[in-house]
Amino acid sequence: TSRLRRENSELRRKDVTTTDMVGSSQAF
């Protein structure tokens, strides 16, 4: 149970961090 909780937490973090910041303008 502990292992599954850690893996689910890691998967959730990986899922949200795949949305990277995109841009190259001076404001960005």
mmCIF file of all heavy atoms, coordinates in Angstrom:
data_MODEL
# 
_entry.id   MODEL 
# 
loop_
_atom_site.group_PDB 
_atom_site.id 
_atom_site.type_symbol 
_atom_site.label_atom_id 
_atom_site.label_alt_id 
_atom_site.label_comp_id 
_atom_site.label_asym_id 
_atom_site.label_entity_id 
_atom_site.label_seq_id 
_atom_site.pdbx_PDB_ins_code 
_atom_site.Cartn_x 
_atom_site.Cartn_y 
_atom_site.Cartn_z 
_atom_site.occupancy 
_atom_site.B_iso_or_equiv 
_atom_site.pdbx_formal_charge 
_atom_site.auth_seq_id 
_atom_site.auth_comp_id 
_atom_site.auth_asym_id 
_atom_site.auth_atom_id 
_atom_site.pdbx_PDB_model_num 
ATOM 1   N N   . THR A 1 1  ? 0.830  -1.200 0.000   1.00 0.00 ? 1  THR A N   1 
ATOM 2   C CA  . THR A 1 1  ? 0.000  0.000  0.000   1.00 0.00 ? 1  THR A CA  1 
ATOM 3   C C   . THR A 1 1  ? 0.866  1.253  0.000   1.00 0.00 ? 1  THR A C   1 
ATOM 4   O O   . THR A 1 1  ? 0.605  2.212  -0.739  1.00 0.00 ? 1  THR A O   1 
ATOM 5   C CB  . THR A 1 1  ? -0.925 0.006  1.237   1.00 0.00 ? 1  THR A CB  1 
ATOM 6   O OG1 . THR A 1 1  ? -1.776 -1.125 1.183   1.00 0.00 ? 1  THR A OG1 1 
ATOM 7   C CG2 . THR A 1 1  ? -1.757 1.282  1.287   1.00 0.00 ? 1  THR A CG2 1 
ATOM 8   N N   . SER A 1 2  ? 1.919  1.244  0.823   1.00 0.00 ? 2  SER A N   1 
ATOM 9   C CA  . SER A 1 2  ? 2.831  2.382  0.891   1.00 0.00 ? 2  SER A CA  1 
ATOM 10  C C   . SER A 1 2  ? 3.514  2.615  -0.450  1.00 0.00 ? 2  SER A C   1 
ATOM 11  O O   . SER A 1 2  ? 3.654  3.744  -0.924  1.00 0.00 ? 2  SER A O   1 
ATOM 12  C CB  . SER A 1 2  ? 3.881  2.148  1.986   1.00 0.00 ? 2  SER A CB  1 
ATOM 13  O OG  . SER A 1 2  ? 4.799  3.201  2.039   1.00 0.00 ? 2  SER A OG  1 
ATOM 14  N N   . ARG A 1 3  ? 3.942  1.526  -1.085  1.00 0.00 ? 3  ARG A N   1 
ATOM 15  C CA  . ARG A 1 3  ? 4.612  1.646  -2.392  1.00 0.00 ? 3  ARG A CA  1 
ATOM 16  C C   . ARG A 1 3  ? 3.669  2.222  -3.439  1.00 0.00 ? 3  ARG A C   1 
ATOM 17  O O   . ARG A 1 3  ? 4.061  3.098  -4.226  1.00 0.00 ? 3  ARG A O   1 
ATOM 18  C CB  . ARG A 1 3  ? 5.116  0.269  -2.835  1.00 0.00 ? 3  ARG A CB  1 
ATOM 19  C CG  . ARG A 1 3  ? 5.871  0.281  -4.164  1.00 0.00 ? 3  ARG A CG  1 
ATOM 20  C CD  . ARG A 1 3  ? 6.216  -1.131 -4.613  1.00 0.00 ? 3  ARG A CD  1 
ATOM 21  N NE  . ARG A 1 3  ? 5.022  -1.897 -4.944  1.00 0.00 ? 3  ARG A NE  1 
ATOM 22  C CZ  . ARG A 1 3  ? 4.373  -1.784 -6.112  1.00 0.00 ? 3  ARG A CZ  1 
ATOM 23  N NH1 . ARG A 1 3  ? 4.778  -0.937 -7.037  1.00 0.00 ? 3  ARG A NH1 1 
ATOM 24  N NH2 . ARG A 1 3  ? 3.305  -2.533 -6.350  1.00 0.00 ? 3  ARG A NH2 1 
ATOM 25  N N   . LEU A 1 4  ? 2.442  1.743  -3.466  1.00 0.00 ? 4  LEU A N   1 
ATOM 26  C CA  . LEU A 1 4  ? 1.476  2.231  -4.447  1.00 0.00 ? 4  LEU A CA  1 
ATOM 27  C C   . LEU A 1 4  ? 1.168  3.713  -4.241  1.00 0.00 ? 4  LEU A C   1 
ATOM 28  O O   . LEU A 1 4  ? 1.014  4.466  -5.211  1.00 0.00 ? 4  LEU A O   1 
ATOM 29  C CB  . LEU A 1 4  ? 0.191  1.408  -4.374  1.00 0.00 ? 4  LEU A CB  1 
ATOM 30  C CG  . LEU A 1 4  ? 0.291  -0.033 -4.879  1.00 0.00 ? 4  LEU A CG  1 
ATOM 31  C CD1 . LEU A 1 4  ? -1.008 -0.785 -4.618  1.00 0.00 ? 4  LEU A CD1 1 
ATOM 32  C CD2 . LEU A 1 4  ? 0.623  -0.063 -6.376  1.00 0.00 ? 4  LEU A CD2 1 
ATOM 33  N N   . ARG A 1 5  ? 1.079  4.133  -2.979  1.00 0.00 ? 5  ARG A N   1 
ATOM 34  C CA  . ARG A 1 5  ? 0.836  5.548  -2.698  1.00 0.00 ? 5  ARG A CA  1 
ATOM 35  C C   . ARG A 1 5  ? 1.967  6.408  -3.240  1.00 0.00 ? 5  ARG A C   1 
ATOM 36  O O   . ARG A 1 5  ? 1.743  7.457  -3.837  1.00 0.00 ? 5  ARG A O   1 
ATOM 37  C CB  . ARG A 1 5  ? 0.694  5.770  -1.191  1.00 0.00 ? 5  ARG A CB  1 
ATOM 38  C CG  . ARG A 1 5  ? -0.643 5.321  -0.610  1.00 0.00 ? 5  ARG A CG  1 
ATOM 39  C CD  . ARG A 1 5  ? -0.659 5.532  0.887   1.00 0.00 ? 5  ARG A CD  1 
ATOM 40  N NE  . ARG A 1 5  ? -1.904 5.074  1.485   1.00 0.00 ? 5  ARG A NE  1 
ATOM 41  C CZ  . ARG A 1 5  ? -2.099 4.985  2.799   1.00 0.00 ? 5  ARG A CZ  1 
ATOM 42  N NH1 . ARG A 1 5  ? -1.119 5.318  3.644   1.00 0.00 ? 5  ARG A NH1 1 
ATOM 43  N NH2 . ARG A 1 5  ? -3.258 4.569  3.274   1.00 0.00 ? 5  ARG A NH2 1 
ATOM 44  N N   . ARG A 1 6  ? 3.225  5.953  -3.003  1.00 0.00 ? 6  ARG A N   1 
ATOM 45  C CA  . ARG A 1 6  ? 4.373  6.716  -3.500  1.00 0.00 ? 6  ARG A CA  1 
ATOM 46  C C   . ARG A 1 6  ? 4.378  6.766  -5.015  1.00 0.00 ? 6  ARG A C   1 
ATOM 47  O O   . ARG A 1 6  ? 4.643  7.812  -5.613  1.00 0.00 ? 6  ARG A O   1 
ATOM 48  C CB  . ARG A 1 6  ? 5.677  6.091  -2.981  1.00 0.00 ? 6  ARG A CB  1 
ATOM 49  C CG  . ARG A 1 6  ? 5.913  6.277  -1.490  1.00 0.00 ? 6  ARG A CG  1 
ATOM 50  C CD  . ARG A 1 6  ? 7.359  5.966  -1.133  1.00 0.00 ? 6  ARG A CD  1 
ATOM 51  N NE  . ARG A 1 6  ? 7.744  4.621  -1.535  1.00 0.00 ? 6  ARG A NE  1 
ATOM 52  C CZ  . ARG A 1 6  ? 7.590  3.549  -0.772  1.00 0.00 ? 6  ARG A CZ  1 
ATOM 53  N NH1 . ARG A 1 6  ? 7.049  3.673  0.436   1.00 0.00 ? 6  ARG A NH1 1 
ATOM 54  N NH2 . ARG A 1 6  ? 7.980  2.355  -1.186  1.00 0.00 ? 6  ARG A NH2 1 
ATOM 55  N N   . GLU A 1 7  ? 4.091  5.631  -5.658  1.00 0.00 ? 7  GLU A N   1 
ATOM 56  C CA  . GLU A 1 7  ? 4.091  5.598  -7.115  1.00 0.00 ? 7  GLU A CA  1 
ATOM 57  C C   . GLU A 1 7  ? 2.989  6.489  -7.694  1.00 0.00 ? 7  GLU A C   1 
ATOM 58  O O   . GLU A 1 7  ? 3.208  7.201  -8.677  1.00 0.00 ? 7  GLU A O   1 
ATOM 59  C CB  . GLU A 1 7  ? 3.917  4.159  -7.613  1.00 0.00 ? 7  GLU A CB  1 
ATOM 60  C CG  . GLU A 1 7  ? 5.139  3.297  -7.401  1.00 0.00 ? 7  GLU A CG  1 
ATOM 61  C CD  . GLU A 1 7  ? 4.956  1.899  -7.969  1.00 0.00 ? 7  GLU A CD  1 
ATOM 62  O OE1 . GLU A 1 7  ? 3.848  1.613  -8.488  1.00 0.00 ? 7  GLU A OE1 1 
ATOM 63  O OE2 . GLU A 1 7  ? 5.906  1.099  -7.888  1.00 0.00 ? 7  GLU A OE2 1 
ATOM 64  N N   . ASN A 1 8  ? 1.791  6.447  -7.097  1.00 0.00 ? 8  ASN A N   1 
ATOM 65  C CA  . ASN A 1 8  ? 0.700  7.299  -7.566  1.00 0.00 ? 8  ASN A CA  1 
ATOM 66  C C   . ASN A 1 8  ? 1.040  8.771  -7.415  1.00 0.00 ? 8  ASN A C   1 
ATOM 67  O O   . ASN A 1 8  ? 0.746  9.593  -8.289  1.00 0.00 ? 8  ASN A O   1 
ATOM 68  C CB  . ASN A 1 8  ? -0.591 6.993  -6.795  1.00 0.00 ? 8  ASN A CB  1 
ATOM 69  C CG  . ASN A 1 8  ? -1.204 5.664  -7.191  1.00 0.00 ? 8  ASN A CG  1 
ATOM 70  O OD1 . ASN A 1 8  ? -0.947 5.169  -8.281  1.00 0.00 ? 8  ASN A OD1 1 
ATOM 71  N ND2 . ASN A 1 8  ? -2.016 5.091  -6.315  1.00 0.00 ? 8  ASN A ND2 1 
ATOM 72  N N   . SER A 1 9  ? 1.677  9.094  -6.283  1.00 0.00 ? 9  SER A N   1 
ATOM 73  C CA  . SER A 1 9  ? 2.072  10.481 -6.052  1.00 0.00 ? 9  SER A CA  1 
ATOM 74  C C   . SER A 1 9  ? 3.097  10.927 -7.086  1.00 0.00 ? 9  SER A C   1 
ATOM 75  O O   . SER A 1 9  ? 3.022  12.033 -7.628  1.00 0.00 ? 9  SER A O   1 
ATOM 76  C CB  . SER A 1 9  ? 2.639  10.627 -4.636  1.00 0.00 ? 9  SER A CB  1 
ATOM 77  O OG  . SER A 1 9  ? 2.981  11.949 -4.363  1.00 0.00 ? 9  SER A OG  1 
ATOM 78  N N   . GLU A 1 10 ? 4.079  10.043 -7.388  1.00 0.00 ? 10 GLU A N   1 
ATOM 79  C CA  . GLU A 1 10 ? 5.095  10.372 -8.383  1.00 0.00 ? 10 GLU A CA  1 
ATOM 80  C C   . GLU A 1 10 ? 4.477  10.521 -9.770  1.00 0.00 ? 10 GLU A C   1 
ATOM 81  O O   . GLU A 1 10 ? 4.844  11.417 -10.541 1.00 0.00 ? 10 GLU A O   1 
ATOM 82  C CB  . GLU A 1 10 ? 6.171  9.287  -8.405  1.00 0.00 ? 10 GLU A CB  1 
ATOM 83  C CG  . GLU A 1 10 ? 7.043  9.284  -7.152  1.00 0.00 ? 10 GLU A CG  1 
ATOM 84  C CD  . GLU A 1 10 ? 7.961  8.079  -7.097  1.00 0.00 ? 10 GLU A CD  1 
ATOM 85  O OE1 . GLU A 1 10 ? 7.948  7.286  -8.066  1.00 0.00 ? 10 GLU A OE1 1 
ATOM 86  O OE2 . GLU A 1 10 ? 8.684  7.922  -6.089  1.00 0.00 ? 10 GLU A OE2 1 
ATOM 87  N N   . LEU A 1 11 ? 3.525  9.638  -10.101 1.00 0.00 ? 11 LEU A N   1 
ATOM 88  C CA  . LEU A 1 11 ? 2.868  9.734  -11.405 1.00 0.00 ? 11 LEU A CA  1 
ATOM 89  C C   . LEU A 1 11 ? 2.078  11.025 -11.548 1.00 0.00 ? 11 LEU A C   1 
ATOM 90  O O   . LEU A 1 11 ? 2.069  11.644 -12.609 1.00 0.00 ? 11 LEU A O   1 
ATOM 91  C CB  . LEU A 1 11 ? 1.946  8.522  -11.616 1.00 0.00 ? 11 LEU A CB  1 
ATOM 92  C CG  . LEU A 1 11 ? 2.644  7.193  -11.896 1.00 0.00 ? 11 LEU A CG  1 
ATOM 93  C CD1 . LEU A 1 11 ? 1.629  6.049  -11.891 1.00 0.00 ? 11 LEU A CD1 1 
ATOM 94  C CD2 . LEU A 1 11 ? 3.377  7.236  -13.233 1.00 0.00 ? 11 LEU A CD2 1 
ATOM 95  N N   . ARG A 1 12 ? 1.403  11.438 -10.470 1.00 0.00 ? 12 ARG A N   1 
ATOM 96  C CA  . ARG A 1 12 ? 0.655  12.692 -10.511 1.00 0.00 ? 12 ARG A CA  1 
ATOM 97  C C   . ARG A 1 12 ? 1.590  13.867 -10.730 1.00 0.00 ? 12 ARG A C   1 
ATOM 98  O O   . ARG A 1 12 ? 1.290  14.792 -11.491 1.00 0.00 ? 12 ARG A O   1 
ATOM 99  C CB  . ARG A 1 12 ? -0.143 12.882 -9.221  1.00 0.00 ? 12 ARG A CB  1 
ATOM 100 C CG  . ARG A 1 12 ? -1.401 12.026 -9.142  1.00 0.00 ? 12 ARG A CG  1 
ATOM 101 C CD  . ARG A 1 12 ? -2.330 12.536 -8.051  1.00 0.00 ? 12 ARG A CD  1 
ATOM 102 N NE  . ARG A 1 12 ? -1.707 12.490 -6.747  1.00 0.00 ? 12 ARG A NE  1 
ATOM 103 C CZ  . ARG A 1 12 ? -1.781 11.454 -5.933  1.00 0.00 ? 12 ARG A CZ  1 
ATOM 104 N NH1 . ARG A 1 12 ? -2.453 10.374 -6.294  1.00 0.00 ? 12 ARG A NH1 1 
ATOM 105 N NH2 . ARG A 1 12 ? -1.186 11.489 -4.750  1.00 0.00 ? 12 ARG A NH2 1 
ATOM 106 N N   . ARG A 1 13 ? 2.746  13.838 -10.051 1.00 0.00 ? 13 ARG A N   1 
ATOM 107 C CA  . ARG A 1 13 ? 3.695  14.932 -10.225 1.00 0.00 ? 13 ARG A CA  1 
ATOM 108 C C   . ARG A 1 13 ? 4.253  14.952 -11.639 1.00 0.00 ? 13 ARG A C   1 
ATOM 109 O O   . ARG A 1 13 ? 4.400  16.000 -12.255 1.00 0.00 ? 13 ARG A O   1 
ATOM 110 C CB  . ARG A 1 13 ? 4.833  14.800 -9.208  1.00 0.00 ? 13 ARG A CB  1 
ATOM 111 C CG  . ARG A 1 13 ? 4.431  15.205 -7.804  1.00 0.00 ? 13 ARG A CG  1 
ATOM 112 C CD  . ARG A 1 13 ? 5.663  15.423 -6.949  1.00 0.00 ? 13 ARG A CD  1 
ATOM 113 N NE  . ARG A 1 13 ? 6.372  14.191 -6.700  1.00 0.00 ? 13 ARG A NE  1 
ATOM 114 C CZ  . ARG A 1 13 ? 6.121  13.379 -5.686  1.00 0.00 ? 13 ARG A CZ  1 
ATOM 115 N NH1 . ARG A 1 13 ? 5.147  13.661 -4.854  1.00 0.00 ? 13 ARG A NH1 1 
ATOM 116 N NH2 . ARG A 1 13 ? 6.819  12.282 -5.510  1.00 0.00 ? 13 ARG A NH2 1 
ATOM 117 N N   . LYS A 1 14 ? 4.570  13.763 -12.188 1.00 0.00 ? 14 LYS A N   1 
ATOM 118 C CA  . LYS A 1 14 ? 5.072  13.710 -13.560 1.00 0.00 ? 14 LYS A CA  1 
ATOM 119 C C   . LYS A 1 14 ? 4.033  14.200 -14.546 1.00 0.00 ? 14 LYS A C   1 
ATOM 120 O O   . LYS A 1 14 ? 4.328  14.874 -15.520 1.00 0.00 ? 14 LYS A O   1 
ATOM 121 C CB  . LYS A 1 14 ? 5.486  12.274 -13.912 1.00 0.00 ? 14 LYS A CB  1 
ATOM 122 C CG  . LYS A 1 14 ? 6.741  11.804 -13.212 1.00 0.00 ? 14 LYS A CG  1 
ATOM 123 C CD  . LYS A 1 14 ? 7.066  10.372 -13.575 1.00 0.00 ? 14 LYS A CD  1 
ATOM 124 C CE  . LYS A 1 14 ? 8.319  9.891  -12.849 1.00 0.00 ? 14 LYS A CE  1 
ATOM 125 N NZ  . LYS A 1 14 ? 8.630  8.480  -13.166 1.00 0.00 ? 14 LYS A NZ  1 
ATOM 126 N N   . ASP A 1 15 ? 2.769  13.878 -14.276 1.00 0.00 ? 15 ASP A N   1 
ATOM 127 C CA  . ASP A 1 15 ? 1.693  14.265 -15.188 1.00 0.00 ? 15 ASP A CA  1 
ATOM 128 C C   . ASP A 1 15 ? 1.554  15.772 -15.272 1.00 0.00 ? 15 ASP A C   1 
ATOM 129 O O   . ASP A 1 15 ? 1.401  16.333 -16.345 1.00 0.00 ? 15 ASP A O   1 
ATOM 130 C CB  . ASP A 1 15 ? 0.376  13.651 -14.709 1.00 0.00 ? 15 ASP A CB  1 
ATOM 131 C CG  . ASP A 1 15 ? -0.790 14.017 -15.605 1.00 0.00 ? 15 ASP A CG  1 
ATOM 132 O OD1 . ASP A 1 15 ? -0.717 13.721 -16.798 1.00 0.00 ? 15 ASP A OD1 1 
ATOM 133 O OD2 . ASP A 1 15 ? -1.772 14.585 -15.103 1.00 0.00 ? 15 ASP A OD2 1 
ATOM 134 N N   . VAL A 1 16 ? 1.632  16.459 -14.130 1.00 0.00 ? 16 VAL A N   1 
ATOM 135 C CA  . VAL A 1 16 ? 1.442  17.903 -14.166 1.00 0.00 ? 16 VAL A CA  1 
ATOM 136 C C   . VAL A 1 16 ? 2.697  18.623 -14.622 1.00 0.00 ? 16 VAL A C   1 
ATOM 137 O O   . VAL A 1 16 ? 2.609  19.710 -15.189 1.00 0.00 ? 16 VAL A O   1 
ATOM 138 C CB  . VAL A 1 16 ? 0.994  18.441 -12.785 1.00 0.00 ? 16 VAL A CB  1 
ATOM 139 C CG1 . VAL A 1 16 ? -0.341 17.862 -12.394 1.00 0.00 ? 16 VAL A CG1 1 
ATOM 140 C CG2 . VAL A 1 16 ? 2.026  18.176 -11.706 1.00 0.00 ? 16 VAL A CG2 1 
ATOM 141 N N   . THR A 1 17 ? 3.883  18.049 -14.387 1.00 0.00 ? 17 THR A N   1 
ATOM 142 C CA  . THR A 1 17 ? 5.090  18.758 -14.765 1.00 0.00 ? 17 THR A CA  1 
ATOM 143 C C   . THR A 1 17 ? 5.427  18.588 -16.233 1.00 0.00 ? 17 THR A C   1 
ATOM 144 O O   . THR A 1 17 ? 6.357  19.212 -16.722 1.00 0.00 ? 17 THR A O   1 
ATOM 145 C CB  . THR A 1 17 ? 6.288  18.279 -13.920 1.00 0.00 ? 17 THR A CB  1 
ATOM 146 O OG1 . THR A 1 17 ? 6.409  16.847 -14.027 1.00 0.00 ? 17 THR A OG1 1 
ATOM 147 C CG2 . THR A 1 17 ? 6.099  18.645 -12.464 1.00 0.00 ? 17 THR A CG2 1 
ATOM 148 N N   . THR A 1 18 ? 4.697  17.763 -16.984 1.00 0.00 ? 18 THR A N   1 
ATOM 149 C CA  . THR A 1 18 ? 4.945  17.662 -18.416 1.00 0.00 ? 18 THR A CA  1 
ATOM 150 C C   . THR A 1 18 ? 4.487  18.931 -19.139 1.00 0.00 ? 18 THR A C   1 
ATOM 151 O O   . THR A 1 18 ? 4.885  19.177 -20.254 1.00 0.00 ? 18 THR A O   1 
ATOM 152 C CB  . THR A 1 18 ? 4.213  16.450 -19.020 1.00 0.00 ? 18 THR A CB  1 
ATOM 153 O OG1 . THR A 1 18 ? 2.821  16.517 -18.669 1.00 0.00 ? 18 THR A OG1 1 
ATOM 154 C CG2 . THR A 1 18 ? 4.788  15.153 -18.491 1.00 0.00 ? 18 THR A CG2 1 
ATOM 155 N N   . THR A 1 19 ? 3.606  19.726 -18.512 1.00 0.00 ? 19 THR A N   1 
ATOM 156 C CA  . THR A 1 19 ? 3.189  20.991 -19.099 1.00 0.00 ? 19 THR A CA  1 
ATOM 157 C C   . THR A 1 19 ? 4.266  22.024 -18.807 1.00 0.00 ? 19 THR A C   1 
ATOM 158 O O   . THR A 1 19 ? 4.265  22.646 -17.751 1.00 0.00 ? 19 THR A O   1 
ATOM 159 C CB  . THR A 1 19 ? 1.836  21.445 -18.512 1.00 0.00 ? 19 THR A CB  1 
ATOM 160 O OG1 . THR A 1 19 ? 0.887  20.395 -18.699 1.00 0.00 ? 19 THR A OG1 1 
ATOM 161 C CG2 . THR A 1 19 ? 1.335  22.677 -19.197 1.00 0.00 ? 19 THR A CG2 1 
ATOM 162 N N   . ASP A 1 20 ? 5.187  22.186 -19.753 1.00 0.00 ? 20 ASP A N   1 
ATOM 163 C CA  . ASP A 1 20 ? 6.316  23.080 -19.557 1.00 0.00 ? 20 ASP A CA  1 
ATOM 164 C C   . ASP A 1 20 ? 5.928  24.492 -19.966 1.00 0.00 ? 20 ASP A C   1 
ATOM 165 O O   . ASP A 1 20 ? 4.972  24.717 -20.692 1.00 0.00 ? 20 ASP A O   1 
ATOM 166 C CB  . ASP A 1 20 ? 7.512  22.597 -20.383 1.00 0.00 ? 20 ASP A CB  1 
ATOM 167 C CG  . ASP A 1 20 ? 8.813  23.161 -19.857 1.00 0.00 ? 20 ASP A CG  1 
ATOM 168 O OD1 . ASP A 1 20 ? 8.768  23.886 -18.847 1.00 0.00 ? 20 ASP A OD1 1 
ATOM 169 O OD2 . ASP A 1 20 ? 9.865  22.871 -20.458 1.00 0.00 ? 20 ASP A OD2 1 
ATOM 170 N N   . MET A 1 21 ? 6.701  25.443 -19.490 1.00 0.00 ? 21 MET A N   1 
ATOM 171 C CA  . MET A 1 21 ? 6.494  26.821 -19.906 1.00 0.00 ? 21 MET A CA  1 
ATOM 172 C C   . MET A 1 21 ? 7.044  26.990 -21.319 1.00 0.00 ? 21 MET A C   1 
ATOM 173 O O   . MET A 1 21 ? 8.143  26.543 -21.630 1.00 0.00 ? 21 MET A O   1 
ATOM 174 C CB  . MET A 1 21 ? 7.189  27.776 -18.933 1.00 0.00 ? 21 MET A CB  1 
ATOM 175 C CG  . MET A 1 21 ? 6.593  27.741 -17.537 1.00 0.00 ? 21 MET A CG  1 
ATOM 176 S SD  . MET A 1 21 ? 7.356  28.953 -16.450 1.00 0.00 ? 21 MET A SD  1 
ATOM 177 C CE  . MET A 1 21 ? 6.797  30.477 -17.215 1.00 0.00 ? 21 MET A CE  1 
ATOM 178 N N   . VAL A 1 22 ? 6.260  27.640 -22.168 1.00 0.00 ? 22 VAL A N   1 
ATOM 179 C CA  . VAL A 1 22 ? 6.611  27.761 -23.589 1.00 0.00 ? 22 VAL A CA  1 
ATOM 180 C C   . VAL A 1 22 ? 6.664  29.230 -23.973 1.00 0.00 ? 22 VAL A C   1 
ATOM 181 O O   . VAL A 1 22 ? 5.752  29.994 -23.656 1.00 0.00 ? 22 VAL A O   1 
ATOM 182 C CB  . VAL A 1 22 ? 5.575  27.026 -24.471 1.00 0.00 ? 22 VAL A CB  1 
ATOM 183 C CG1 . VAL A 1 22 ? 5.858  27.264 -25.951 1.00 0.00 ? 22 VAL A CG1 1 
ATOM 184 C CG2 . VAL A 1 22 ? 5.571  25.532 -24.157 1.00 0.00 ? 22 VAL A CG2 1 
ATOM 185 N N   . GLY A 1 23 ? 7.718  29.613 -24.676 1.00 0.00 ? 23 GLY A N   1 
ATOM 186 C CA  . GLY A 1 23 ? 7.823  30.979 -25.170 1.00 0.00 ? 23 GLY A CA  1 
ATOM 187 C C   . GLY A 1 23 ? 9.258  31.390 -25.397 1.00 0.00 ? 23 GLY A C   1 
ATOM 188 O O   . GLY A 1 23 ? 10.192 30.724 -24.925 1.00 0.00 ? 23 GLY A O   1 
ATOM 189 N N   . SER A 1 24 ? 9.451  32.476 -26.118 1.00 0.00 ? 24 SER A N   1 
ATOM 190 C CA  . SER A 1 24 ? 10.793 33.004 -26.360 1.00 0.00 ? 24 SER A CA  1 
ATOM 191 C C   . SER A 1 24 ? 10.801 34.526 -26.449 1.00 0.00 ? 24 SER A C   1 
ATOM 192 O O   . SER A 1 24 ? 11.835 35.126 -26.698 1.00 0.00 ? 24 SER A O   1 
ATOM 193 C CB  . SER A 1 24 ? 11.366 32.411 -27.663 1.00 0.00 ? 24 SER A CB  1 
ATOM 194 O OG  . SER A 1 24 ? 10.472 32.633 -28.745 1.00 0.00 ? 24 SER A OG  1 
ATOM 195 N N   . SER A 1 25 ? 9.648  35.166 -26.266 1.00 0.00 ? 25 SER A N   1 
ATOM 196 C CA  . SER A 1 25 ? 9.572  36.622 -26.332 1.00 0.00 ? 25 SER A CA  1 
ATOM 197 C C   . SER A 1 25 ? 10.312 37.241 -25.154 1.00 0.00 ? 25 SER A C   1 
ATOM 198 O O   . SER A 1 25 ? 10.626 36.570 -24.166 1.00 0.00 ? 25 SER A O   1 
ATOM 199 C CB  . SER A 1 25 ? 8.111  37.077 -26.307 1.00 0.00 ? 25 SER A CB  1 
ATOM 200 O OG  . SER A 1 25 ? 7.510  36.774 -25.055 1.00 0.00 ? 25 SER A OG  1 
ATOM 201 N N   . GLN A 1 26 ? 10.562 38.539 -25.239 1.00 0.00 ? 26 GLN A N   1 
ATOM 202 C CA  . GLN A 1 26 ? 11.250 39.225 -24.162 1.00 0.00 ? 26 GLN A CA  1 
ATOM 203 C C   . GLN A 1 26 ? 10.416 39.197 -22.883 1.00 0.00 ? 26 GLN A C   1 
ATOM 204 O O   . GLN A 1 26 ? 10.942 39.010 -21.786 1.00 0.00 ? 26 GLN A O   1 
ATOM 205 C CB  . GLN A 1 26 ? 11.538 40.675 -24.552 1.00 0.00 ? 26 GLN A CB  1 
ATOM 206 C CG  . GLN A 1 26 ? 12.299 41.464 -23.495 1.00 0.00 ? 26 GLN A CG  1 
ATOM 207 C CD  . GLN A 1 26 ? 13.628 40.822 -23.126 1.00 0.00 ? 26 GLN A CD  1 
ATOM 208 O OE1 . GLN A 1 26 ? 14.425 40.478 -23.996 1.00 0.00 ? 26 GLN A OE1 1 
ATOM 209 N NE2 . GLN A 1 26 ? 13.871 40.631 -21.832 1.00 0.00 ? 26 GLN A NE2 1 
ATOM 210 N N   . ALA A 1 27 ? 9.102  39.382 -23.018 1.00 0.00 ? 27 ALA A N   1 
ATOM 211 C CA  . ALA A 1 27 ? 8.229  39.336 -21.839 1.00 0.00 ? 27 ALA A CA  1 
ATOM 212 C C   . ALA A 1 27 ? 8.293  37.967 -21.167 1.00 0.00 ? 27 ALA A C   1 
ATOM 213 O O   . ALA A 1 27 ? 8.330  37.868 -19.933 1.00 0.00 ? 27 ALA A O   1 
ATOM 214 C CB  . ALA A 1 27 ? 6.792  39.665 -22.238 1.00 0.00 ? 27 ALA A CB  1 
ATOM 215 N N   . PHE A 1 28 ? 8.331  36.904 -21.979 1.00 0.00 ? 28 PHE A N   1 
ATOM 216 C CA  . PHE A 1 28 ? 8.409  35.550 -21.424 1.00 0.00 ? 28 PHE A CA  1 
ATOM 217 C C   . PHE A 1 28 ? 9.754  35.324 -20.750 1.00 0.00 ? 28 PHE A C   1 
ATOM 218 O O   . PHE A 1 28 ? 9.825  34.760 -19.654 1.00 0.00 ? 28 PHE A O   1 
ATOM 219 C CB  . PHE A 1 28 ? 8.195  34.519 -22.526 1.00 0.00 ? 28 PHE A CB  1 
ATOM 220 C CG  . PHE A 1 28 ? 8.393  33.095 -22.079 1.00 0.00 ? 28 PHE A CG  1 
ATOM 221 C CD1 . PHE A 1 28 ? 7.378  32.416 -21.430 1.00 0.00 ? 28 PHE A CD1 1 
ATOM 222 C CD2 . PHE A 1 28 ? 9.608  32.451 -22.272 1.00 0.00 ? 28 PHE A CD2 1 
ATOM 223 C CE1 . PHE A 1 28 ? 7.554  31.108 -20.996 1.00 0.00 ? 28 PHE A CE1 1 
ATOM 224 C CE2 . PHE A 1 28 ? 9.800  31.152 -21.843 1.00 0.00 ? 28 PHE A CE2 1 
ATOM 225 C CZ  . PHE A 1 28 ? 8.770  30.482 -21.207 1.00 0.00 ? 28 PHE A CZ  1 
# 
